[in-house]
PDB file of N, CA and C in Angstrom:
ATOM      1  N   MET A   1       0.857  -1.142  -0.005  1.00  0.00           N
ATOM      2  CA  MET A   1       0.019  -0.003  -0.010  1.00  0.00           C
ATOM      3  C   MET A   1       0.910   1.247  -0.003  1.00  0.00           C
ATOM      4  N   LEU A   2       0.624   2.144  -0.899  1.00  0.00           N
ATOM      5  CA  LEU A   2       1.384   3.393  -0.942  1.00  0.00           C
ATOM      6  C   LEU A   2       0.894   4.380   0.128  1.00  0.00           C
ATOM      7  N   ARG A   3       1.844   5.059   0.790  1.00  0.00           N
ATOM      8  CA  ARG A   3       1.498   6.010   1.785  1.00  0.00           C
ATOM      9  C   ARG A   3       2.365   7.240   1.532  1.00  0.00           C
ATOM     10  N   THR A   4       1.833   8.410   1.932  1.00  0.00           N
ATOM     11  CA  THR A   4       2.569   9.676   1.858  1.00  0.00           C
ATOM     12  C   THR A   4       2.867  10.160   3.237  1.00  0.00           C
ATOM     13  N   ILE A   5       4.099  10.573   3.493  1.00  0.00           N
ATOM     14  CA  ILE A   5       4.521  11.095   4.755  1.00  0.00           C
ATOM     15  C   ILE A   5       5.106  12.486   4.575  1.00  0.00           C
ATOM     16  N   GLN A   6       5.089  13.234   5.668  1.00  0.00           N
ATOM     17  CA  GLN A   6       5.701  14.576   5.643  1.00  0.00           C
ATOM     18  C   GLN A   6       6.909  14.520   6.554  1.00  0.00           C
ATOM     19  N   ILE A   7       8.071  14.902   5.991  1.00  0.00           N
ATOM     20  CA  ILE A   7       9.300  14.854   6.741  1.00  0.00           C
ATOM     21  C   ILE A   7       9.674  16.207   7.337  1.00  0.00           C
ATOM     22  N   GLY A   8       9.550  17.230   6.544  1.00  0.00           N
ATOM     23  CA  GLY A   8       9.805  18.580   6.956  1.00  0.00           C
ATOM     24  C   GLY A   8       8.630  19.506   6.694  1.00  0.00           C
ATOM     25  N   SER A   9       8.831  20.750   6.747  1.00  0.00           N
ATOM     26  CA  SER A   9       7.741  21.696   6.510  1.00  0.00           C
ATOM     27  C   SER A   9       7.151  21.622   5.132  1.00  0.00           C
ATOM     28  N   SER A  10       7.988  21.260   4.146  1.00  0.00           N
ATOM     29  CA  SER A  10       7.491  21.157   2.777  1.00  0.00           C
ATOM     30  C   SER A  10       8.112  19.985   2.013  1.00  0.00           C
ATOM     31  N   VAL A  11       8.549  18.953   2.761  1.00  0.00           N
ATOM     32  CA  VAL A  11       9.158  17.781   2.147  1.00  0.00           C
ATOM     33  C   VAL A  11       8.219  16.584   2.378  1.00  0.00           C
ATOM     34  N   PHE A  12       7.749  16.009   1.265  1.00  0.00           N
ATOM     35  CA  PHE A  12       6.841  14.869   1.300  1.00  0.00           C
ATOM     36  C   PHE A  12       7.507  13.714   0.590  1.00  0.00           C
ATOM     37  N   VAL A  13       7.236  12.490   1.081  1.00  0.00           N
ATOM     38  CA  VAL A  13       7.796  11.284   0.455  1.00  0.00           C
ATOM     39  C   VAL A  13       6.625  10.323   0.315  1.00  0.00           C
ATOM     40  N   GLN A  14       6.566   9.693  -0.864  1.00  0.00           N
ATOM     41  CA  GLN A  14       5.502   8.649  -1.084  1.00  0.00           C
ATOM     42  C   GLN A  14       6.248   7.342  -1.328  1.00  0.00           C
ATOM     43  N   GLY A  15       5.839   6.301  -0.616  1.00  0.00           N
ATOM     44  CA  GLY A  15       6.432   4.984  -0.758  1.00  0.00           C
ATOM     45  C   GLY A  15       5.567   3.901  -0.214  1.00  0.00           C
ATOM     46  N   VAL A  16       6.085   2.703  -0.204  1.00  0.00           N
ATOM     47  CA  VAL A  16       5.382   1.527   0.270  1.00  0.00           C
ATOM     48  C   VAL A  16       5.404   1.487   1.822  1.00  0.00           C
ATOM     49  N   TYR A  17       4.263   1.340   2.410  1.00  0.00           N
ATOM     50  CA  TYR A  17       4.102   1.317   3.862  1.00  0.00           C
ATOM     51  C   TYR A  17       4.896   0.133   4.436  1.00  0.00           C
ATOM     52  N   GLU A  18       5.669   0.406   5.488  1.00  0.00           N
ATOM     53  CA  GLU A  18       6.406  -0.682   6.177  1.00  0.00           C
ATOM     54  C   GLU A  18       5.828  -0.965   7.551  1.00  0.00           C
ATOM     55  N   ARG A  19       5.780   0.086   8.421  1.00  0.00           N
ATOM     56  CA  ARG A  19       5.240  -0.140   9.763  1.00  0.00           C
ATOM     57  C   ARG A  19       5.046   1.224  10.458  1.00  0.00           C
ATOM     58  N   THR A  20       4.282   1.170  11.558  1.00  0.00           N
ATOM     59  CA  THR A  20       4.062   2.340  12.374  1.00  0.00           C
ATOM     60  C   THR A  20       4.995   2.316  13.564  1.00  0.00           C
ATOM     61  N   LEU A  21       5.615   3.434  13.853  1.00  0.00           N
ATOM     62  CA  LEU A  21       6.555   3.505  15.007  1.00  0.00           C
ATOM     63  C   LEU A  21       5.772   3.914  16.255  1.00  0.00           C
ATOM     64  N   ASP A  22       6.357   3.675  17.448  1.00  0.00           N
ATOM     65  CA  ASP A  22       5.709   3.940  18.696  1.00  0.00           C
ATOM     66  C   ASP A  22       5.364   5.436  18.860  1.00  0.00           C
ATOM     67  N   CYS A  23       6.148   6.280  18.270  1.00  0.00           N
ATOM     68  CA  CYS A  23       5.926   7.751  18.418  1.00  0.00           C
ATOM     69  C   CYS A  23       4.819   8.276  17.502  1.00  0.00           C
ATOM     70  N   GLY A  24       4.214   7.416  16.661  1.00  0.00           N
ATOM     71  CA  GLY A  24       3.138   7.853  15.814  1.00  0.00           C
ATOM     72  C   GLY A  24       3.566   8.091  14.338  1.00  0.00           C
ATOM     73  N   ARG A  25       4.880   8.151  14.121  1.00  0.00           N
ATOM     74  CA  ARG A  25       5.349   8.292  12.751  1.00  0.00           C
ATOM     75  C   ARG A  25       5.260   6.923  12.026  1.00  0.00           C
ATOM     76  N   ILE A  26       5.340   6.933  10.733  1.00  0.00           N
ATOM     77  CA  ILE A  26       5.320   5.695   9.970  1.00  0.00           C
ATOM     78  C   ILE A  26       6.553   5.597   9.081  1.00  0.00           C
ATOM     79  N   LEU A  27       6.934   4.389   8.751  1.00  0.00           N
ATOM     80  CA  LEU A  27       8.050   4.107   7.847  1.00  0.00           C
ATOM     81  C   LEU A  27       7.521   3.766   6.475  1.00  0.00           C
ATOM     82  N   VAL A  28       8.150   4.350   5.444  1.00  0.00           N
ATOM     83  CA  VAL A  28       7.859   3.983   4.078  1.00  0.00           C
ATOM     84  C   VAL A  28       9.124   3.620   3.363  1.00  0.00           C
ATOM     85  N   ARG A  29       9.037   2.667   2.412  1.00  0.00           N
ATOM     86  CA  ARG A  29      10.209   2.246   1.684  1.00  0.00           C
ATOM     87  C   ARG A  29      10.159   2.804   0.261  1.00  0.00           C
ATOM     88  N   VAL A  30      11.258   3.392  -0.152  1.00  0.00           N
ATOM     89  CA  VAL A  30      11.452   3.880  -1.530  1.00  0.00           C
ATOM     90  C   VAL A  30      12.690   3.216  -2.036  1.00  0.00           C
ATOM     91  N   GLY A  31      12.565   2.172  -2.859  1.00  0.00           N
ATOM     92  CA  GLY A  31      13.711   1.404  -3.305  1.00  0.00           C
ATOM     93  C   GLY A  31      14.325   0.702  -2.093  1.00  0.00           C
ATOM     94  N   ASP A  32      15.614   0.982  -1.831  1.00  0.00           N
ATOM     95  CA  ASP A  32      16.307   0.361  -0.678  1.00  0.00           C
ATOM     96  C   ASP A  32      16.286   1.258   0.559  1.00  0.00           C
ATOM     97  N   ALA A  33      15.755   2.493   0.426  1.00  0.00           N
ATOM     98  CA  ALA A  33      15.779   3.451   1.511  1.00  0.00           C
ATOM     99  C   ALA A  33      14.496   3.450   2.321  1.00  0.00           C
ATOM    100  N   LEU A  34      14.623   3.658   3.630  1.00  0.00           N
ATOM    101  CA  LEU A  34      13.457   3.792   4.537  1.00  0.00           C
ATOM    102  C   LEU A  34      13.401   5.280   4.979  1.00  0.00           C
ATOM    103  N   PHE A  35      12.207   5.783   5.030  1.00  0.00           N
ATOM    104  CA  PHE A  35      11.959   7.141   5.506  1.00  0.00           C
ATOM    105  C   PHE A  35      10.929   7.101   6.580  1.00  0.00           C
ATOM    106  N   ALA A  36      11.121   7.916   7.656  1.00  0.00           N
ATOM    107  CA  ALA A  36      10.177   8.027   8.740  1.00  0.00           C
ATOM    108  C   ALA A  36       9.599   9.435   8.735  1.00  0.00           C
ATOM    109  N   GLY A  37       8.319   9.567   8.918  1.00  0.00           N
ATOM    110  CA  GLY A  37       7.671  10.809   8.965  1.00  0.00           C
ATOM    111  C   GLY A  37       6.255  10.739   9.461  1.00  0.00           C
ATOM    112  N   HIS A  38       5.578  11.873   9.510  1.00  0.00           N
ATOM    113  CA  HIS A  38       4.203  11.916   9.973  1.00  0.00           C
ATOM    114  C   HIS A  38       3.277  11.624   8.772  1.00  0.00           C
ATOM    115  N   PRO A  39       2.272  10.760   8.961  1.00  0.00           N
ATOM    116  CA  PRO A  39       1.390  10.447   7.850  1.00  0.00           C
ATOM    117  C   PRO A  39       0.558  11.649   7.453  1.00  0.00           C
ATOM    118  N   VAL A  40       0.279  11.752   6.167  1.00  0.00           N
ATOM    119  CA  VAL A  40      -0.513  12.817   5.606  1.00  0.00           C
ATOM    120  C   VAL A  40      -1.962  12.324   5.598  1.00  0.00           C
ATOM    121  N   ASN A  41      -2.904  13.138   6.117  1.00  0.00           N
ATOM    122  CA  ASN A  41      -4.309  12.772   6.129  1.00  0.00           C
ATOM    123  C   ASN A  41      -4.884  12.694   4.709  1.00  0.00           C
ATOM    124  N   ARG A  42      -5.785  11.780   4.522  1.00  0.00           N
ATOM    125  CA  ARG A  42      -6.407  11.621   3.172  1.00  0.00           C
ATOM    126  C   ARG A  42      -7.489  12.647   2.965  1.00  0.00           C
TER     127      ARG A  42
END
């Protein structure tokens, strides 16, 4: 499932959902890289 996260004030990353972290952020995978950020509301 594709998810979009916000990393900074204007930096968004879209990738494959990996898991939710304890702090409320989620991990998404883009190729071999993992990114953590706050989920964007639909």
